[in-house]
Structures are given as structure tokens and as C-alpha cells.
N, C-alpha and C. Protein backbone atom coordinates (compact mmCIF):
# COMPACT_ATOMS: atom_id res chain seq x y z
N UNK A 1 62.06 63.06 2.78
CA UNK A 1 62.53 62.57 1.62
C UNK A 1 63.70 61.52 2.13
N UNK A 2 63.83 60.51 1.52
CA UNK A 2 64.65 59.34 1.63
C UNK A 2 65.93 59.67 1.29
N UNK A 3 67.01 58.63 2.01
CA UNK A 3 68.47 59.60 1.46
C UNK A 3 68.92 58.36 0.48
N UNK A 4 69.70 58.83 -0.24
CA UNK A 4 70.68 57.83 -1.34
C UNK A 4 70.97 56.82 -0.56
N UNK A 5 71.35 56.79 0.58
CA UNK A 5 72.31 55.70 1.23
C UNK A 5 71.21 54.43 1.39
N UNK A 6 70.04 55.21 1.97
CA UNK A 6 68.44 54.34 2.45
C UNK A 6 68.15 53.52 1.25
N UNK A 7 67.93 54.16 -0.04
CA UNK A 7 67.59 53.96 -1.18
C UNK A 7 68.67 52.65 -1.79
N UNK A 8 69.73 53.18 -1.55
CA UNK A 8 70.84 51.97 -2.13
C UNK A 8 70.56 50.69 -1.29
N UNK A 9 70.38 50.74 0.06
CA UNK A 9 70.28 49.51 0.85
C UNK A 9 68.90 48.64 0.32
N UNK A 10 68.02 49.52 -0.07
CA UNK A 10 66.73 48.65 -0.50
C UNK A 10 67.42 48.03 -1.69
N UNK A 11 68.19 48.85 -2.95
CA UNK A 11 68.34 48.27 -4.21
C UNK A 11 69.34 46.88 -3.75
N UNK A 12 70.05 46.90 -2.71
CA UNK A 12 70.82 45.74 -2.72
C UNK A 12 70.29 44.48 -2.38
N UNK A 13 68.97 45.02 -1.62
CA UNK A 13 68.02 43.60 -1.50
C UNK A 13 67.29 43.44 -2.71
N UNK A 14 66.68 44.31 -3.56
CA UNK A 14 66.66 43.96 -4.94
C UNK A 14 67.55 42.94 -5.73
N UNK A 15 68.79 43.42 -5.78
CA UNK A 15 69.48 42.74 -6.51
C UNK A 15 69.57 41.35 -6.06
N UNK A 16 69.69 41.00 -5.02
CA UNK A 16 69.85 39.79 -4.40
C UNK A 16 68.76 38.86 -4.72
N UNK A 17 67.49 39.67 -4.66
CA UNK A 17 66.02 39.10 -4.99
C UNK A 17 66.14 38.54 -6.84
N UNK A 18 66.43 39.55 -7.43
CA UNK A 18 66.68 39.36 -8.77
C UNK A 18 67.83 37.91 -9.27
N UNK A 19 68.86 37.99 -8.33
CA UNK A 19 69.89 36.80 -8.25
C UNK A 19 69.16 35.73 -7.72
N UNK A 20 68.25 35.86 -6.96
CA UNK A 20 67.43 34.27 -6.25
C UNK A 20 66.32 33.92 -7.49
N UNK A 21 65.99 34.83 -8.16
CA UNK A 21 64.82 34.48 -9.17
C UNK A 21 65.42 34.00 -10.28
N UNK A 22 66.64 34.54 -10.82
CA UNK A 22 67.48 34.07 -11.65
C UNK A 22 67.86 32.56 -11.57
N UNK A 23 68.38 32.36 -10.22
CA UNK A 23 68.70 30.97 -9.90
C UNK A 23 67.57 30.00 -10.11
N UNK A 24 66.26 30.49 -9.72
CA UNK A 24 64.93 29.50 -9.88
C UNK A 24 64.70 29.42 -11.43
N UNK A 25 65.01 30.15 -12.21
CA UNK A 25 64.67 30.27 -13.70
C UNK A 25 65.72 29.06 -14.33
N UNK A 26 66.86 29.44 -13.81
CA UNK A 26 67.99 28.30 -14.10
C UNK A 26 67.56 26.81 -13.76
N UNK A 27 67.45 26.96 -12.38
CA UNK A 27 66.69 25.36 -12.23
C UNK A 27 65.73 24.95 -12.80
N UNK A 28 65.00 25.68 -13.16
CA UNK A 28 63.60 25.24 -14.15
C UNK A 28 64.38 24.43 -15.44
N UNK A 29 65.29 25.38 -16.15
CA UNK A 29 65.61 24.87 -17.34
C UNK A 29 66.69 23.90 -17.15
N UNK A 30 67.45 23.76 -15.97
CA UNK A 30 68.32 22.72 -15.79
C UNK A 30 67.61 21.41 -15.51
N UNK A 31 66.32 21.53 -14.87
CA UNK A 31 65.41 20.40 -14.70
C UNK A 31 64.79 20.09 -16.17
N UNK A 32 64.79 20.69 -17.25
CA UNK A 32 64.20 20.25 -18.14
C UNK A 32 65.45 20.02 -19.40
N UNK A 33 66.70 19.56 -18.61
CA UNK A 33 67.57 19.42 -19.85
C UNK A 33 67.98 20.24 -20.66
N UNK A 34 67.86 21.35 -20.35
CA UNK A 34 68.17 22.72 -21.35
C UNK A 34 69.44 23.28 -20.55
N UNK A 35 70.44 22.89 -20.94
CA UNK A 35 71.68 23.36 -20.26
C UNK A 35 72.13 24.70 -20.63
N UNK A 36 71.89 25.07 -21.78
CA UNK A 36 72.60 26.59 -22.16
C UNK A 36 71.54 27.76 -21.70
N UNK A 37 70.21 27.28 -21.74
CA UNK A 37 69.18 28.15 -20.76
C UNK A 37 69.56 28.22 -19.38
N UNK A 38 69.99 26.98 -18.96
CA UNK A 38 70.13 27.18 -17.67
C UNK A 38 71.50 28.01 -17.28
N UNK A 39 72.31 27.55 -18.03
CA UNK A 39 73.86 28.07 -17.80
C UNK A 39 73.40 30.15 -17.87
N UNK A 40 72.72 30.32 -19.09
CA UNK A 40 72.69 31.75 -19.10
C UNK A 40 71.88 32.15 -17.73
N UNK A 41 71.07 31.39 -17.41
CA UNK A 41 70.52 32.40 -15.99
C UNK A 41 71.15 32.02 -14.96
N UNK A 42 72.22 31.10 -14.77
CA UNK A 42 72.86 31.05 -13.59
C UNK A 42 73.73 32.16 -13.59
N UNK A 43 74.53 32.39 -15.16
CA UNK A 43 75.20 33.72 -14.97
C UNK A 43 74.93 34.91 -14.62
N UNK A 44 73.62 34.93 -15.01
CA UNK A 44 72.85 36.40 -14.81
C UNK A 44 72.74 36.64 -13.17
N UNK A 45 72.38 35.18 -12.77
CA UNK A 45 72.28 35.27 -11.13
C UNK A 45 73.37 35.99 -10.56
N UNK A 46 74.66 35.35 -11.01
CA UNK A 46 76.01 35.87 -10.55
C UNK A 46 76.22 37.21 -10.76
N UNK A 47 75.71 37.67 -12.00
CA UNK A 47 75.68 39.38 -12.24
C UNK A 47 74.91 40.19 -11.13
N UNK A 48 73.90 39.54 -10.93
CA UNK A 48 73.16 40.38 -9.72
C UNK A 48 73.64 40.42 -8.57
N UNK A 49 74.07 39.31 -8.51
CA UNK A 49 74.50 39.14 -7.09
C UNK A 49 75.91 40.32 -7.08
N UNK A 50 76.76 40.30 -7.92
CA UNK A 50 77.81 41.36 -8.26
C UNK A 50 77.19 42.64 -7.97
N UNK A 51 76.19 42.66 -8.73
CA UNK A 51 75.80 44.34 -8.67
C UNK A 51 75.39 44.65 -7.14
N UNK A 52 74.80 43.81 -6.36
CA UNK A 52 74.52 44.00 -5.13
C UNK A 52 75.74 44.43 -4.36
N UNK A 53 76.66 43.50 -4.67
CA UNK A 53 78.31 43.71 -4.03
C UNK A 53 78.68 44.98 -4.03
N UNK A 54 78.62 45.24 -5.33
CA UNK A 54 78.90 46.76 -5.71
C UNK A 54 78.50 48.12 -5.13
N UNK A 55 77.11 47.63 -4.69
CA UNK A 55 76.57 48.41 -3.82
C UNK A 55 77.35 48.40 -2.57
N UNK A 56 77.10 47.17 -1.97
CA UNK A 56 77.74 47.12 -0.48
C UNK A 56 79.13 48.02 -0.62
N UNK A 57 79.92 47.83 -1.66
CA UNK A 57 81.28 48.23 -1.54
C UNK A 57 81.17 49.63 -1.51
N UNK A 58 80.26 50.40 -2.26
CA UNK A 58 79.96 51.69 -2.41
C UNK A 58 79.80 52.17 -0.95
N UNK A 59 78.84 51.44 -0.21
CA UNK A 59 78.19 52.22 1.00
C UNK A 59 79.34 51.91 1.96
N UNK A 60 80.11 50.81 1.98
CA UNK A 60 81.67 50.92 2.97
C UNK A 60 82.39 51.82 2.59
N UNK A 61 82.89 52.03 1.41
CA UNK A 61 84.04 53.04 1.18
C UNK A 61 83.13 54.30 1.40
N UNK A 62 82.01 54.28 1.56
CA UNK A 62 81.35 55.89 1.84
C UNK A 62 81.23 55.85 3.41
N UNK A 63 81.30 55.10 3.88
CA UNK A 63 81.48 54.94 5.57
C UNK A 63 79.79 54.97 6.11
N UNK A 64 79.01 54.51 4.63
CA UNK A 64 77.49 54.36 5.49
C UNK A 64 77.13 53.14 5.91
N UNK A 65 76.05 52.81 6.41
CA UNK A 65 75.60 51.73 7.08
C UNK A 65 75.09 50.59 5.91
N UNK A 66 75.28 49.73 6.13
CA UNK A 66 75.01 48.57 5.09
C UNK A 66 73.94 47.63 5.74
N UNK A 67 72.71 47.70 4.72
CA UNK A 67 71.76 46.59 5.67
C UNK A 67 71.52 45.33 4.41
N UNK A 68 71.56 44.21 5.06
CA UNK A 68 71.32 43.28 4.13
C UNK A 68 69.96 42.57 4.50
N UNK A 69 69.09 42.74 3.87
CA UNK A 69 67.63 42.41 4.11
C UNK A 69 67.39 40.96 3.35
N UNK A 70 66.26 40.41 4.26
CA UNK A 70 65.72 39.27 3.76
C UNK A 70 64.76 39.64 2.36
N UNK A 71 64.86 38.77 1.43
CA UNK A 71 63.76 38.99 0.29
C UNK A 71 63.15 37.41 0.06
N UNK A 72 61.98 38.31 -0.65
CA UNK A 72 60.91 37.34 -0.80
C UNK A 72 61.36 36.23 -1.76
N UNK A 73 60.56 35.14 -1.60
CA UNK A 73 60.88 33.91 -2.42
C UNK A 73 60.60 33.98 -3.69
N UNK A 74 61.47 33.60 -4.66
CA UNK A 74 61.32 33.72 -5.81
C UNK A 74 60.20 32.77 -6.41
N UNK A 75 59.71 33.10 -7.59
CA UNK A 75 58.68 32.04 -8.50
C UNK A 75 59.26 30.88 -9.13
N UNK A 76 59.03 29.80 -8.79
CA UNK A 76 59.94 28.69 -9.17
C UNK A 76 59.01 27.68 -9.99
N UNK A 77 57.58 28.07 -10.53
CA UNK A 77 56.74 27.22 -11.03
C UNK A 77 56.47 28.07 -12.52
N UNK A 78 56.70 27.41 -13.41
CA UNK A 78 56.32 28.25 -14.71
C UNK A 78 55.43 27.36 -15.65
N UNK A 79 54.74 28.29 -16.26
CA UNK A 79 53.70 27.42 -17.33
C UNK A 79 54.52 26.60 -18.52
N UNK A 80 55.47 27.12 -18.94
CA UNK A 80 55.87 26.64 -20.20
C UNK A 80 57.43 27.27 -20.23
N UNK A 81 58.09 27.11 -21.20
CA UNK A 81 59.48 27.33 -21.29
C UNK A 81 59.47 28.94 -21.67
N UNK A 82 58.53 29.48 -22.01
CA UNK A 82 58.59 31.26 -22.58
C UNK A 82 58.51 31.86 -21.37
N UNK A 83 57.54 31.53 -20.14
CA UNK A 83 57.02 32.35 -19.20
C UNK A 83 58.34 32.68 -18.22
N UNK A 84 59.59 31.74 -18.15
CA UNK A 84 60.73 32.36 -17.37
C UNK A 84 61.43 33.40 -17.86
N UNK A 85 61.48 33.77 -19.46
CA UNK A 85 62.43 34.70 -19.84
C UNK A 85 61.37 36.06 -19.98
N UNK A 86 60.19 35.57 -19.82
CA UNK A 86 59.02 36.80 -19.88
C UNK A 86 59.29 37.70 -18.44
N UNK A 87 59.49 36.75 -17.60
CA UNK A 87 59.43 36.90 -16.02
C UNK A 87 60.99 37.97 -16.08
N UNK A 88 61.80 37.16 -16.56
CA UNK A 88 63.20 38.02 -16.61
C UNK A 88 63.17 39.37 -17.02
N UNK A 89 62.49 39.32 -18.10
CA UNK A 89 62.54 40.78 -18.87
C UNK A 89 61.68 41.77 -17.91
N UNK A 90 60.58 41.21 -17.60
CA UNK A 90 59.65 42.00 -16.47
C UNK A 90 60.70 42.57 -15.52
N UNK A 91 61.44 41.48 -14.83
CA UNK A 91 62.31 42.10 -13.60
C UNK A 91 63.21 42.97 -14.39
N UNK A 92 64.05 42.93 -15.23
CA UNK A 92 64.84 43.92 -15.68
C UNK A 92 64.24 45.30 -15.69
N UNK A 93 63.10 45.29 -16.60
CA UNK A 93 62.28 46.72 -16.48
C UNK A 93 62.30 47.12 -15.16
N UNK A 94 61.84 46.40 -14.00
CA UNK A 94 61.63 47.12 -12.90
C UNK A 94 63.04 47.50 -12.39
N UNK A 95 64.00 46.28 -12.52
CA UNK A 95 65.15 46.95 -12.10
C UNK A 95 65.54 48.31 -12.62
N UNK A 96 65.33 48.34 -13.85
CA UNK A 96 65.86 49.74 -14.51
C UNK A 96 64.93 50.78 -13.86
N UNK A 97 63.58 50.54 -13.41
CA UNK A 97 63.13 51.85 -12.93
C UNK A 97 63.80 52.14 -11.47
N UNK A 98 64.21 51.37 -10.66
CA UNK A 98 64.54 51.41 -9.53
C UNK A 98 65.75 51.67 -9.51
N UNK A 99 66.84 51.72 -10.52
CA UNK A 99 68.25 52.28 -10.74
C UNK A 99 67.90 53.66 -11.11
N UNK A 100 66.96 53.77 -11.99
CA UNK A 100 66.89 55.01 -12.79
C UNK A 100 66.28 56.24 -11.14
N UNK A 101 65.31 55.73 -10.34
CA UNK A 101 64.96 56.51 -9.17
C UNK A 101 66.27 56.71 -8.29
N UNK A 102 67.25 55.72 -8.12
CA UNK A 102 68.31 55.75 -7.62
C UNK A 102 69.05 57.06 -8.05
N UNK A 103 69.15 56.93 -9.37
CA UNK A 103 70.03 58.18 -10.09
C UNK A 103 69.46 59.61 -9.62
N UNK A 104 68.17 59.63 -9.87
CA UNK A 104 67.08 60.67 -9.64
C UNK A 104 67.49 61.36 -8.15
N UNK A 105 67.18 60.50 -7.11
CA UNK A 105 67.59 60.60 -5.67
C UNK A 105 68.92 61.23 -5.42
N UNK A 106 69.88 60.68 -5.93
CA UNK A 106 71.56 61.29 -6.12
C UNK A 106 71.50 62.84 -6.53
N UNK A 107 71.03 62.95 -7.68
CA UNK A 107 70.94 64.12 -8.33
C UNK A 107 69.83 65.08 -7.85
N UNK A 108 68.96 64.70 -7.13
CA UNK A 108 67.98 65.49 -6.35
C UNK A 108 68.99 65.96 -4.85
N UNK A 109 69.45 65.20 -4.55
CA UNK A 109 70.33 65.30 -3.14
C UNK A 109 71.75 65.94 -3.52
N UNK A 110 72.13 66.29 -4.68
CA UNK A 110 73.20 66.75 -5.31
C UNK A 110 74.52 66.08 -4.71
N UNK A 111 74.18 65.04 -4.84
CA UNK A 111 75.32 64.12 -4.42
C UNK A 111 76.18 63.28 -5.73
N UNK A 112 77.10 64.19 -6.38
CA UNK A 112 77.55 64.00 -7.65
C UNK A 112 78.32 62.72 -7.82
N UNK A 113 78.94 62.25 -6.54
CA UNK A 113 79.66 60.93 -6.45
C UNK A 113 78.80 59.75 -6.66
N UNK A 114 77.51 60.13 -6.05
CA UNK A 114 76.31 58.73 -6.09
C UNK A 114 75.76 58.45 -7.39
N UNK A 115 75.46 60.10 -7.75
CA UNK A 115 75.08 60.09 -9.54
C UNK A 115 75.88 59.38 -10.44
N UNK A 116 77.22 59.72 -10.11
CA UNK A 116 78.43 59.13 -11.06
C UNK A 116 78.54 57.43 -10.95
N UNK A 117 78.23 56.98 -9.61
CA UNK A 117 78.26 55.52 -9.43
C UNK A 117 76.88 55.04 -10.10
N UNK A 118 76.03 55.40 -10.21
CA UNK A 118 74.62 55.10 -10.87
C UNK A 118 75.02 54.88 -12.14
N UNK A 119 75.58 55.89 -12.79
CA UNK A 119 75.68 55.80 -14.46
C UNK A 119 76.03 54.54 -14.96
N UNK A 120 77.05 53.90 -14.23
CA UNK A 120 77.66 52.40 -14.85
C UNK A 120 76.29 51.64 -14.63
N UNK A 121 75.46 51.72 -13.76
CA UNK A 121 74.23 50.66 -13.55
C UNK A 121 73.08 51.01 -14.77
N UNK A 122 73.09 52.34 -15.05
CA UNK A 122 72.18 52.85 -15.84
C UNK A 122 72.34 52.22 -17.35
N UNK A 123 73.64 52.12 -17.82
CA UNK A 123 74.09 51.59 -19.30
C UNK A 123 74.01 50.13 -18.97
N UNK A 124 74.17 49.42 -17.77
CA UNK A 124 74.30 48.21 -17.98
C UNK A 124 72.74 47.73 -17.96
N UNK A 125 71.91 48.26 -17.29
CA UNK A 125 70.39 47.99 -17.62
C UNK A 125 69.78 48.23 -18.87
N UNK A 126 70.18 49.05 -19.59
CA UNK A 126 69.98 49.39 -21.20
C UNK A 126 70.34 47.96 -21.90
N UNK A 127 71.83 47.44 -21.47
CA UNK A 127 72.11 46.39 -22.32
C UNK A 127 71.25 45.10 -22.14
N UNK A 128 71.05 45.00 -20.51
CA UNK A 128 69.96 43.84 -19.62
C UNK A 128 68.79 43.82 -20.51
N UNK A 129 67.97 44.85 -20.73
CA UNK A 129 66.70 44.75 -21.24
C UNK A 129 66.87 44.69 -22.58
N UNK A 130 67.79 45.21 -23.31
CA UNK A 130 67.92 44.87 -24.90
C UNK A 130 68.36 43.23 -25.19
N UNK A 131 68.92 42.56 -24.27
CA UNK A 131 69.71 41.15 -24.72
C UNK A 131 68.46 40.27 -23.93
N UNK A 132 67.69 40.71 -22.85
CA UNK A 132 66.47 39.83 -22.66
C UNK A 132 65.34 39.88 -23.52
N UNK A 133 65.29 41.27 -24.18
CA UNK A 133 64.36 41.34 -25.11
C UNK A 133 64.54 40.39 -26.17
N UNK A 134 65.61 40.18 -26.58
CA UNK A 134 66.21 39.47 -27.74
C UNK A 134 65.87 38.10 -27.31
N UNK A 135 66.51 37.77 -26.17
CA UNK A 135 66.02 36.23 -25.64
C UNK A 135 64.71 36.00 -25.72
N UNK A 136 63.72 36.91 -25.41
CA UNK A 136 62.39 36.27 -25.28
C UNK A 136 61.58 36.47 -26.82
N UNK A 137 61.99 37.24 -27.59
CA UNK A 137 61.61 37.12 -29.04
C UNK A 137 62.07 35.79 -29.37
N UNK A 138 63.38 35.35 -29.21
CA UNK A 138 63.81 33.90 -29.87
C UNK A 138 62.95 32.90 -29.12
N UNK A 139 62.70 33.06 -28.01
CA UNK A 139 61.89 31.93 -27.17
C UNK A 139 60.55 31.68 -27.71
N UNK A 140 59.96 32.89 -27.66
CA UNK A 140 58.49 33.02 -28.19
C UNK A 140 58.38 32.20 -29.60
N UNK A 141 59.56 32.49 -30.72
CA UNK A 141 59.57 32.11 -32.03
C UNK A 141 59.78 30.72 -31.89
N UNK A 142 60.49 30.07 -31.05
CA UNK A 142 60.98 28.74 -31.14
C UNK A 142 60.55 27.76 -29.95
N UNK A 143 59.60 28.28 -29.31
CA UNK A 143 58.77 27.61 -28.24
C UNK A 143 58.16 26.00 -28.73
N UNK A 144 58.31 26.01 -29.92
CA UNK A 144 57.76 24.60 -30.16
C UNK A 144 58.72 23.83 -30.53
N UNK A 145 59.99 24.20 -30.33
CA UNK A 145 61.52 23.54 -30.66
C UNK A 145 62.40 24.28 -29.77
N UNK A 146 62.25 24.10 -28.33
CA UNK A 146 63.32 25.31 -27.55
C UNK A 146 64.73 24.40 -27.90
N UNK A 147 65.11 23.13 -28.34
CA UNK A 147 66.20 23.09 -28.55
C UNK A 147 67.00 23.89 -29.49
N UNK A 148 66.19 24.66 -30.40
CA UNK A 148 66.80 25.90 -31.23
C UNK A 148 67.22 26.77 -30.36
N UNK A 149 66.61 26.93 -29.24
CA UNK A 149 66.91 28.09 -28.49
C UNK A 149 68.51 27.92 -27.68
N UNK A 150 68.55 26.58 -27.65
CA UNK A 150 69.86 26.20 -26.86
C UNK A 150 71.07 26.37 -28.06
N UNK A 151 70.63 26.07 -29.43
CA UNK A 151 71.62 26.58 -30.52
C UNK A 151 71.85 28.01 -30.61
N UNK A 152 70.71 28.78 -30.40
CA UNK A 152 70.91 30.32 -30.56
C UNK A 152 71.79 30.89 -29.39
N UNK A 153 71.90 30.24 -28.23
CA UNK A 153 72.55 30.66 -26.97
C UNK A 153 74.31 30.38 -27.05
N UNK A 154 74.33 29.03 -27.84
CA UNK A 154 75.53 28.69 -27.95
C UNK A 154 76.28 29.83 -29.01
N UNK A 155 75.58 30.04 -30.10
CA UNK A 155 76.20 30.94 -31.14
C UNK A 155 76.44 32.44 -30.44
N UNK A 156 75.44 33.10 -29.59
CA UNK A 156 75.26 34.28 -29.06
C UNK A 156 76.49 34.42 -27.58
N UNK A 157 76.70 33.45 -27.17
CA UNK A 157 77.26 33.49 -25.72
C UNK A 157 78.87 33.00 -26.09
N UNK A 158 79.20 32.84 -27.22
CA UNK A 158 80.76 32.45 -27.44
C UNK A 158 81.73 33.48 -26.99
N UNK A 159 82.38 33.34 -26.02
CA UNK A 159 83.36 34.14 -25.41
C UNK A 159 82.79 34.98 -24.44
N UNK A 160 81.41 34.82 -23.95
CA UNK A 160 80.78 35.42 -22.56
C UNK A 160 81.38 34.83 -21.54
N UNK A 161 80.97 35.59 -20.36
CA UNK A 161 81.17 34.65 -19.30
C UNK A 161 82.25 35.39 -18.41
N UNK A 162 82.60 36.53 -18.37
CA UNK A 162 83.09 37.55 -17.56
C UNK A 162 82.40 37.95 -16.47
N UNK A 163 83.03 37.59 -15.46
CA UNK A 163 82.00 37.76 -14.20
C UNK A 163 82.24 39.10 -13.55
N UNK A 164 83.01 40.38 -14.13
CA UNK A 164 82.71 41.78 -13.95
C UNK A 164 83.20 42.22 -15.20
N UNK A 165 82.49 42.92 -15.60
CA UNK A 165 83.02 43.70 -16.79
C UNK A 165 84.04 45.04 -16.36
N UNK A 166 84.94 45.31 -17.74
CA UNK A 166 85.85 46.17 -17.35
C UNK A 166 85.04 47.63 -17.02
N UNK A 167 85.45 48.22 -16.26
CA UNK A 167 84.98 49.45 -15.60
C UNK A 167 83.76 49.51 -14.79
N UNK A 168 83.29 48.45 -14.63
CA UNK A 168 82.32 48.12 -13.47
C UNK A 168 83.15 48.54 -12.03
N UNK A 169 81.77 48.86 -11.02
CA UNK A 169 82.36 49.23 -9.75
C UNK A 169 82.91 48.26 -9.18
N UNK A 170 83.67 48.28 -8.36
CA UNK A 170 84.42 47.08 -7.38
C UNK A 170 83.04 46.59 -6.45
N UNK A 171 83.20 45.26 -6.62
CA UNK A 171 82.21 44.66 -5.61
C UNK A 171 83.05 44.03 -4.51
N UNK A 172 82.26 44.11 -3.24
CA UNK A 172 82.74 43.95 -2.04
C UNK A 172 83.01 42.44 -2.14
N UNK A 173 83.83 42.06 -1.51
CA UNK A 173 84.28 40.39 -1.41
C UNK A 173 85.27 39.91 -2.36
N UNK A 174 85.30 40.82 -3.55
CA UNK A 174 86.21 40.34 -4.94
C UNK A 174 87.86 40.73 -4.60
N UNK A 175 88.83 39.92 -4.60
CA UNK A 175 90.08 40.28 -4.45
C UNK A 175 90.60 41.06 -5.82
N UNK A 176 91.16 42.26 -5.16
CA UNK A 176 91.59 43.10 -6.13
C UNK A 176 93.04 42.91 -6.79
């Protein structure tokens, strides 16, 4: 049986890979002069990086080894402006499965502290899938006039941009 620590180290790599993928998506939209879509995915990239750093901090606080692994190159070429959002939703679903497995690993090893740590991430993933699903629906509906997606994002993201949410675990490297 793989330990929670080993699985969490694997997840750190997955979170960094997700961050890189979001940068690649943001660059796609930036190159197409779609600043709202680009900004949305740049923010998503920072969020994924912060998730990785929260996991790093958890391991540091636990006295467990931290492994920073290489990640696969992200997809950088997309058929259209819908494909990156579809990829992002697939990625969020995959990460949700990974996070769920981490929670199960913690529970099966009766590591209540680790299980509690994973609860925030489970809630976060529910929110991520919901928001990415909504964005995909909007992009699919407006694929022939993607500038309307830009307008949608302006309306939906007013007040957004908090780098770390209240109640989130501490991220390594963030001044307290």
C-alpha cells in the first residue's frame, strides 16, 4: 500500500503540471487577443501552483520528505477556442479523482489529520468542476463570437482574484 506521503508527493507534481497546462491555455488565448480568457487561465495557473505549495507545506509541517518531480510538457496547440476549456474541464475531473483517492488513502490509513487536510481540496474541486463546466457551456454556445465570452468573464469575475481563499491551508513560501 502506498503511503499518504508518497501519494501527496505525486499530487504535488500533478498540481504543478495543471499549473503549466493552464499557462499554456492562457498563452493560447493571449496570442488570440482574448485578454479575459487569458487572465482567467493565468489566475487558474496560480491557483494550481498554490495548491501544490499547500501540499508542500503540509509535508514540511509533518516532517515528511518533499519531492519536486518533473512534469510532462503541456498541450500547447488547440483546434479552436473551445478545445482549451474542454481540456481544462477534463483536467479538473482528473484532479478531482486524484484528490478523492488521496482522501481515501488518508482514511484507510486512519490518518485523521491528513484526511482533514484533504477536505478543503475536495470542496475546492467541486467548485472548480462547477465553474469550468459553466465556462465550457458558455464557450460552446458562443464559439462563433468568442468576444461575448470575454464579456461574460468580465461580468462573472468582478471581485475575483484573491490569491488564497480564506480557510485554505497555508502554502509554502507565502508570508504569514
